[in-house]
């Protein structure tokens, strides 16, 4: 499934981290967990997005 996450390459690292934290708070809130609002596929895609963010942040850090 293709989820519409922000493009990491077009974001500053700080903005991407803020977006990710807001999204995980929403996904794992008690209300949404009980209602089953977000699928396991969405959570897996969010994890993959976070890994890409980690790679970008690490590359930026190493280039400094």
N, C-alpha and C. Protein backbone atom coordinates (compact mmCIF):
# COMPACT_ATOMS: atom_id res chain seq x y z
N UNK A 1 0.84 -1.18 0.00
CA UNK A 1 0.00 0.00 0.00
C UNK A 1 0.89 1.25 0.00
N UNK A 2 0.48 2.27 -0.67
CA UNK A 2 1.27 3.49 -0.80
C UNK A 2 0.66 4.58 0.08
N UNK A 3 1.36 4.91 1.16
CA UNK A 3 0.89 5.94 2.07
C UNK A 3 1.55 7.26 1.71
N UNK A 4 0.87 8.34 1.97
CA UNK A 4 1.35 9.67 1.61
C UNK A 4 2.07 10.32 2.79
N UNK A 5 3.35 9.96 2.94
CA UNK A 5 4.17 10.59 3.96
C UNK A 5 4.91 11.75 3.31
N UNK A 6 5.33 12.73 4.12
CA UNK A 6 6.11 13.84 3.56
C UNK A 6 7.41 13.34 2.95
N UNK A 7 7.89 14.06 1.96
CA UNK A 7 9.15 13.71 1.31
C UNK A 7 10.30 14.18 2.20
N UNK A 8 11.07 13.24 2.70
CA UNK A 8 12.17 13.55 3.61
C UNK A 8 13.19 14.46 2.94
N UNK A 9 13.42 14.26 1.67
CA UNK A 9 14.45 15.03 0.96
C UNK A 9 14.09 16.51 0.86
N UNK A 10 12.83 16.84 0.98
CA UNK A 10 12.38 18.23 0.87
C UNK A 10 12.22 18.90 2.23
N UNK A 11 12.54 18.18 3.31
CA UNK A 11 12.34 18.71 4.66
C UNK A 11 13.68 18.89 5.36
N UNK A 12 13.71 19.84 6.28
CA UNK A 12 14.86 19.93 7.17
C UNK A 12 14.72 18.79 8.18
N UNK A 13 15.83 18.34 8.72
CA UNK A 13 15.83 17.24 9.67
C UNK A 13 14.92 17.55 10.87
N UNK A 14 15.01 18.76 11.37
CA UNK A 14 14.23 19.15 12.54
C UNK A 14 12.73 19.06 12.25
N UNK A 15 12.32 19.54 11.07
CA UNK A 15 10.91 19.50 10.71
C UNK A 15 10.42 18.06 10.54
N UNK A 16 11.27 17.22 9.99
CA UNK A 16 10.91 15.82 9.80
C UNK A 16 10.74 15.12 11.14
N UNK A 17 11.62 15.43 12.08
CA UNK A 17 11.51 14.83 13.41
C UNK A 17 10.22 15.26 14.10
N UNK A 18 9.91 16.54 14.00
CA UNK A 18 8.67 17.05 14.60
C UNK A 18 7.46 16.36 13.98
N UNK A 19 7.44 16.23 12.64
CA UNK A 19 6.32 15.56 11.98
C UNK A 19 6.20 14.12 12.46
N UNK A 20 7.34 13.41 12.54
CA UNK A 20 7.33 12.02 12.95
C UNK A 20 6.80 11.87 14.38
N UNK A 21 7.24 12.73 15.28
CA UNK A 21 6.78 12.64 16.66
C UNK A 21 5.28 12.91 16.78
N UNK A 22 4.79 13.89 16.04
CA UNK A 22 3.34 14.16 16.05
C UNK A 22 2.56 12.98 15.50
N UNK A 23 3.08 12.38 14.42
CA UNK A 23 2.39 11.25 13.79
C UNK A 23 2.38 10.04 14.71
N UNK A 24 3.49 9.75 15.37
CA UNK A 24 3.50 8.59 16.27
C UNK A 24 2.60 8.83 17.48
N UNK A 25 2.55 10.06 17.97
CA UNK A 25 1.61 10.35 19.06
C UNK A 25 0.17 10.09 18.64
N UNK A 26 -0.14 10.47 17.41
CA UNK A 26 -1.49 10.26 16.89
C UNK A 26 -1.76 8.77 16.69
N UNK A 27 -0.83 8.06 16.07
CA UNK A 27 -1.02 6.65 15.75
C UNK A 27 -1.16 5.79 17.00
N UNK A 28 -0.33 6.08 18.00
CA UNK A 28 -0.31 5.23 19.19
C UNK A 28 -1.10 5.80 20.36
N UNK A 29 -1.96 6.78 20.10
CA UNK A 29 -2.81 7.30 21.16
C UNK A 29 -3.80 6.20 21.58
N UNK A 30 -4.22 6.26 22.80
CA UNK A 30 -5.14 5.25 23.33
C UNK A 30 -6.41 5.17 22.49
N UNK A 31 -6.94 6.31 22.12
CA UNK A 31 -8.18 6.35 21.34
C UNK A 31 -8.02 5.60 20.01
N UNK A 32 -6.94 5.86 19.29
CA UNK A 32 -6.75 5.22 18.00
C UNK A 32 -6.35 3.75 18.12
N UNK A 33 -5.64 3.39 19.19
CA UNK A 33 -5.30 1.98 19.37
C UNK A 33 -6.55 1.16 19.65
N UNK A 34 -7.43 1.68 20.48
CA UNK A 34 -8.66 0.95 20.80
C UNK A 34 -9.55 0.84 19.57
N UNK A 35 -9.65 1.93 18.81
CA UNK A 35 -10.51 1.93 17.62
C UNK A 35 -9.88 1.18 16.45
N UNK A 36 -8.58 0.91 16.52
CA UNK A 36 -7.91 0.23 15.41
C UNK A 36 -7.85 1.10 14.17
N UNK A 37 -7.69 2.40 14.35
CA UNK A 37 -7.72 3.36 13.26
C UNK A 37 -6.59 3.14 12.25
N UNK A 38 -5.41 2.81 12.74
CA UNK A 38 -4.24 2.67 11.86
C UNK A 38 -3.87 1.20 11.71
N UNK A 39 -3.67 0.78 10.48
CA UNK A 39 -3.35 -0.62 10.19
C UNK A 39 -1.89 -0.92 10.51
N UNK A 40 -1.59 -2.20 10.60
CA UNK A 40 -0.20 -2.62 10.81
C UNK A 40 0.66 -2.22 9.62
N UNK A 41 0.08 -2.21 8.43
CA UNK A 41 0.83 -1.78 7.24
C UNK A 41 1.23 -0.32 7.34
N UNK A 42 0.34 0.51 7.87
CA UNK A 42 0.65 1.93 8.05
C UNK A 42 1.78 2.09 9.06
N UNK A 43 1.71 1.35 10.14
CA UNK A 43 2.74 1.42 11.17
C UNK A 43 4.09 0.96 10.62
N UNK A 44 4.08 -0.08 9.80
CA UNK A 44 5.32 -0.56 9.20
C UNK A 44 5.88 0.48 8.23
N UNK A 45 5.02 1.11 7.45
CA UNK A 45 5.46 2.15 6.52
C UNK A 45 6.03 3.35 7.29
N UNK A 46 5.42 3.68 8.41
CA UNK A 46 5.91 4.77 9.25
C UNK A 46 7.30 4.43 9.80
N UNK A 47 7.50 3.18 10.18
CA UNK A 47 8.81 2.75 10.64
C UNK A 47 9.85 2.86 9.53
N UNK A 48 9.49 2.48 8.32
CA UNK A 48 10.42 2.60 7.19
C UNK A 48 10.76 4.07 6.93
N UNK A 49 9.78 4.94 7.04
CA UNK A 49 10.00 6.38 6.86
C UNK A 49 10.99 6.87 7.92
N UNK A 50 10.81 6.41 9.17
CA UNK A 50 11.72 6.80 10.24
C UNK A 50 13.14 6.33 9.96
N UNK A 51 13.29 5.13 9.43
CA UNK A 51 14.62 4.62 9.11
C UNK A 51 15.29 5.47 8.02
N UNK A 52 14.51 5.91 7.05
CA UNK A 52 15.06 6.81 6.02
C UNK A 52 15.47 8.15 6.64
N UNK A 53 14.67 8.64 7.57
CA UNK A 53 15.01 9.87 8.28
C UNK A 53 16.31 9.68 9.06
N UNK A 54 16.46 8.55 9.71
CA UNK A 54 17.68 8.26 10.46
C UNK A 54 18.89 8.26 9.54
N UNK A 55 18.76 7.63 8.38
CA UNK A 55 19.87 7.58 7.43
C UNK A 55 20.25 8.99 6.97
N UNK A 56 19.24 9.81 6.70
CA UNK A 56 19.51 11.18 6.25
C UNK A 56 20.18 11.99 7.35
N UNK A 57 19.69 11.85 8.58
CA UNK A 57 20.27 12.60 9.69
C UNK A 57 21.70 12.15 9.95
N UNK A 58 21.96 10.86 9.86
CA UNK A 58 23.31 10.35 10.07
C UNK A 58 24.26 10.84 8.98
N UNK A 59 23.80 10.84 7.74
CA UNK A 59 24.64 11.32 6.64
C UNK A 59 24.93 12.80 6.81
N UNK A 60 23.94 13.58 7.23
CA UNK A 60 24.16 15.02 7.44
C UNK A 60 25.13 15.25 8.58
N UNK A 61 25.00 14.47 9.64
CA UNK A 61 25.90 14.62 10.77
C UNK A 61 27.33 14.27 10.39
N UNK A 62 27.50 13.21 9.62
CA UNK A 62 28.84 12.79 9.22
C UNK A 62 29.49 13.76 8.23
N UNK A 63 28.67 14.51 7.52
CA UNK A 63 29.23 15.46 6.55
C UNK A 63 29.71 16.75 7.20
N UNK A 64 29.39 16.95 8.44
CA UNK A 64 29.78 18.18 9.14
C UNK A 64 31.15 18.09 9.69
